[in-house]
């Protein structure tokens, strides 16, 4: 990545014509892309949610 890619990105964002060496340079698009979560990350998030729910249930007064 260099300043020509940044310029190309800004030109694309504002619908401007490309000038100078930004012509033909790819815009920066992967910075804003959200990667797919990995299996381990999903498993960890799920286990953390289950643990938090169990802790919250333990603190609540029993319903009769």
Foldseek 3Di string as FASTA:
>chain_A
DDVLLDQLQVCVVVVHDRDDPVVPPHHDDVVPDDDDDDPVVVVVVVVVVVVVVVVVVVPDDDDD
